């Protein structure tokens, strides 16, 4: 049985989660995919733009390793949640196809 993320409501306007919600729907993914993304990044960074893993050095909302990888989405990668989210969604699509694919991998391996 595949792990599923708990359903979440619509995010607060202007929040990082609202940016992600709009981008997820723009990809043609549904609200179930958004719920997986919320759960994944809640676990990874608590949706903190400045989150840094003290062990690995992974950075930002999507916990990019190294954080500078996100420069491919914008020069403001270290401080802009939208840039981080754009990069993170692209990473997830390239590696796991969907946020729920990334969530499933994270549930099984404790990383994505």
C-alpha atoms as a PDB file:
ATOM      1  CA  UNK A   1       0.000   0.000   0.000  1.00  0.00           C
ATOM      2  CA  UNK A   2       1.382   3.384  -0.980  1.00  0.00           C
ATOM      3  CA  UNK A   3       1.749   5.949   1.786  1.00  0.00           C
ATOM      4  CA  UNK A   4      -0.608   8.872   1.472  1.00  0.00           C
ATOM      5  CA  UNK A   5      -0.215  12.334   2.896  1.00  0.00           C
ATOM      6  CA  UNK A   6      -2.941  13.839   5.044  1.00  0.00           C
ATOM      7  CA  UNK A   7      -5.287  16.163   3.184  1.00  0.00           C
ATOM      8  CA  UNK A   8      -4.681  19.851   3.762  1.00  0.00           C
ATOM      9  CA  UNK A   9      -6.869  22.886   3.244  1.00  0.00           C
ATOM     10  CA  UNK A  10      -6.134  25.887   1.085  1.00  0.00           C
ATOM     11  CA  UNK A  11      -3.089  27.836   2.232  1.00  0.00           C
ATOM     12  CA  UNK A  12      -2.969  31.348   3.651  1.00  0.00           C
ATOM     13  CA  UNK A  13      -2.715  33.893   0.813  1.00  0.00           C
ATOM     14  CA  UNK A  14       0.816  35.191   0.334  1.00  0.00           C
ATOM     15  CA  UNK A  15       2.430  32.279   2.165  1.00  0.00           C
ATOM     16  CA  UNK A  16       5.080  29.955   0.754  1.00  0.00           C
ATOM     17  CA  UNK A  17       2.437  27.238   0.721  1.00  0.00           C
ATOM     18  CA  UNK A  18       0.172  29.490  -1.384  1.00  0.00           C
ATOM     19  CA  UNK A  19       2.990  29.900  -3.914  1.00  0.00           C
ATOM     20  CA  UNK A  20       3.400  26.122  -3.991  1.00  0.00           C
ATOM     21  CA  UNK A  21      -0.353  25.563  -4.318  1.00  0.00           C
ATOM     22  CA  UNK A  22      -0.537  27.772  -7.401  1.00  0.00           C
ATOM     23  CA  UNK A  23       2.524  26.130  -8.965  1.00  0.00           C
ATOM     24  CA  UNK A  24       1.256  22.605  -8.278  1.00  0.00           C
ATOM     25  CA  UNK A  25      -2.073  23.365  -9.958  1.00  0.00           C
ATOM     26  CA  UNK A  26      -0.275  25.106 -12.858  1.00  0.00           C
ATOM     27  CA  UNK A  27       1.613  21.826 -13.455  1.00  0.00           C
ATOM     28  CA  UNK A  28      -1.726  20.095 -13.882  1.00  0.00           C
ATOM     29  CA  UNK A  29      -1.374  18.226 -10.608  1.00  0.00           C
ATOM     30  CA  UNK A  30      -4.321  17.965  -8.230  1.00  0.00           C
ATOM     31  CA  UNK A  31      -4.825  18.898  -4.588  1.00  0.00           C
ATOM     32  CA  UNK A  32      -3.720  15.404  -3.540  1.00  0.00           C
ATOM     33  CA  UNK A  33      -0.299  16.196  -5.015  1.00  0.00           C
ATOM     34  CA  UNK A  34      -0.312  19.477  -3.118  1.00  0.00           C
ATOM     35  CA  UNK A  35      -1.029  17.580   0.119  1.00  0.00           C
ATOM     36  CA  UNK A  36       1.974  15.347  -0.548  1.00  0.00           C
ATOM     37  CA  UNK A  37       4.165  18.384  -1.171  1.00  0.00           C
ATOM     38  CA  UNK A  38       2.996  20.065   2.036  1.00  0.00           C
ATOM     39  CA  UNK A  39       3.751  16.946   4.078  1.00  0.00           C
ATOM     40  CA  UNK A  40       7.134  16.437   2.415  1.00  0.00           C
ATOM     41  CA  UNK A  41       8.406  19.965   2.920  1.00  0.00           C
ATOM     42  CA  UNK A  42       6.861  20.200   6.381  1.00  0.00           C
ATOM     43  CA  UNK A  43       9.067  17.250   7.325  1.00  0.00           C
ATOM     44  CA  UNK A  44      12.122  18.574   5.487  1.00  0.00           C
ATOM     45  CA  UNK A  45      12.165  22.246   6.484  1.00  0.00           C
ATOM     46  CA  UNK A  46       8.917  23.232   8.191  1.00  0.00           C
ATOM     47  CA  UNK A  47       8.524  25.479   5.126  1.00  0.00           C
ATOM     48  CA  UNK A  48      11.396  27.655   6.376  1.00  0.00           C
ATOM     49  CA  UNK A  49      13.177  29.517   3.572  1.00  0.00           C
ATOM     50  CA  UNK A  50      16.355  29.642   5.676  1.00  0.00           C
ATOM     51  CA  UNK A  51      16.301  26.076   7.045  1.00  0.00           C
ATOM     52  CA  UNK A  52      19.732  24.453   7.028  1.00  0.00           C
ATOM     53  CA  UNK A  53      20.407  20.844   7.928  1.00  0.00           C
ATOM     54  CA  UNK A  54      23.314  20.989  10.387  1.00  0.00           C
ATOM     55  CA  UNK A  55      24.609  17.589   9.306  1.00  0.00           C
ATOM     56  CA  UNK A  56      24.326  17.652   5.512  1.00  0.00           C
ATOM     57  CA  UNK A  57      24.138  21.380   4.802  1.00  0.00           C
ATOM     58  CA  UNK A  58      20.915  20.951   2.792  1.00  0.00           C
ATOM     59  CA  UNK A  59      19.205  24.336   2.511  1.00  0.00           C
ATOM     60  CA  UNK A  60      15.839  25.999   2.134  1.00  0.00           C
ATOM     61  CA  UNK A  61      12.277  24.829   1.826  1.00  0.00           C
ATOM     62  CA  UNK A  62      13.108  21.885  -0.477  1.00  0.00           C
ATOM     63  CA  UNK A  63      16.393  21.128   1.359  1.00  0.00           C
ATOM     64  CA  UNK A  64      18.548  21.333  -1.772  1.00  0.00           C
ATOM     65  CA  UNK A  65      22.021  19.848  -1.398  1.00  0.00           C
ATOM     66  CA  UNK A  66      23.955  21.957  -1.925  1.00  0.00           C
ATOM     67  CA  UNK A  67      21.627  24.922  -1.639  1.00  0.00           C
ATOM     68  CA  UNK A  68      23.416  26.670  -4.482  1.00  0.00           C
ATOM     69  CA  UNK A  69      21.796  24.189  -6.907  1.00  0.00           C
ATOM     70  CA  UNK A  70      18.730  26.412  -6.638  1.00  0.00           C
ATOM     71  CA  UNK A  71      20.613  29.218  -8.431  1.00  0.00           C
ATOM     72  CA  UNK A  72      19.381  27.577 -11.643  1.00  0.00           C
ATOM     73  CA  UNK A  73      15.924  28.930 -10.700  1.00  0.00           C
ATOM     74  CA  UNK A  74      17.118  32.401  -9.693  1.00  0.00           C
ATOM     75  CA  UNK A  75      19.979  34.387  -8.204  1.00  0.00           C
ATOM     76  CA  UNK A  76      17.855  35.069  -5.112  1.00  0.00           C
ATOM     77  CA  UNK A  77      17.665  31.358  -4.224  1.00  0.00           C
ATOM     78  CA  UNK A  78      18.978  31.861  -0.681  1.00  0.00           C
ATOM     79  CA  UNK A  79      16.228  34.282   0.352  1.00  0.00           C
ATOM     80  CA  UNK A  80      13.227  33.913  -1.967  1.00  0.00           C
ATOM     81  CA  UNK A  81      10.718  31.171  -1.162  1.00  0.00           C
ATOM     82  CA  UNK A  82       9.222  31.341  -4.675  1.00  0.00           C
ATOM     83  CA  UNK A  83      12.611  30.622  -6.255  1.00  0.00           C
ATOM     84  CA  UNK A  84      13.146  27.706  -3.893  1.00  0.00           C
ATOM     85  CA  UNK A  85       9.690  26.304  -4.573  1.00  0.00           C
ATOM     86  CA  UNK A  86      10.100  26.611  -8.352  1.00  0.00           C
ATOM     87  CA  UNK A  87      13.413  24.765  -8.127  1.00  0.00           C
ATOM     88  CA  UNK A  88      12.013  22.151  -5.739  1.00  0.00           C
ATOM     89  CA  UNK A  89       9.009  21.362  -7.901  1.00  0.00           C
ATOM     90  CA  UNK A  90      11.285  20.998 -10.928  1.00  0.00           C
ATOM     91  CA  UNK A  91      13.557  18.658  -8.972  1.00  0.00           C
ATOM     92  CA  UNK A  92      10.614  16.566  -7.814  1.00  0.00           C
ATOM     93  CA  UNK A  93       9.169  16.335 -11.335  1.00  0.00           C
ATOM     94  CA  UNK A  94      12.526  15.291 -12.808  1.00  0.00           C
ATOM     95  CA  UNK A  95      13.335  12.712 -10.143  1.00  0.00           C
ATOM     96  CA  UNK A  96      10.000  11.421  -8.799  1.00  0.00           C
ATOM     97  CA  UNK A  97       7.454  12.605 -11.421  1.00  0.00           C
ATOM     98  CA  UNK A  98       5.032  13.929  -8.781  1.00  0.00           C
ATOM     99  CA  UNK A  99       5.073  15.210  -5.196  1.00  0.00           C
ATOM    100  CA  UNK A 100       3.340  12.002  -4.086  1.00  0.00           C
ATOM    101  CA  UNK A 101       6.149  10.034  -5.718  1.00  0.00           C
ATOM    102  CA  UNK A 102       8.643  12.062  -3.679  1.00  0.00           C
ATOM    103  CA  UNK A 103       6.533  11.643  -0.535  1.00  0.00           C
ATOM    104  CA  UNK A 104       6.377   7.867  -1.050  1.00  0.00           C
ATOM    105  CA  UNK A 105      10.162   7.727  -1.430  1.00  0.00           C
ATOM    106  CA  UNK A 106      10.589   9.854   1.686  1.00  0.00           C
ATOM    107  CA  UNK A 107       8.263   7.629   3.697  1.00  0.00           C
ATOM    108  CA  UNK A 108      10.215   4.532   2.657  1.00  0.00           C
ATOM    109  CA  UNK A 109      13.751   5.948   2.905  1.00  0.00           C
ATOM    110  CA  UNK A 110      13.473   8.963   5.224  1.00  0.00           C
ATOM    111  CA  UNK A 111      14.920  11.226   2.505  1.00  0.00           C
ATOM    112  CA  UNK A 112      14.059  12.349  -1.011  1.00  0.00           C
END
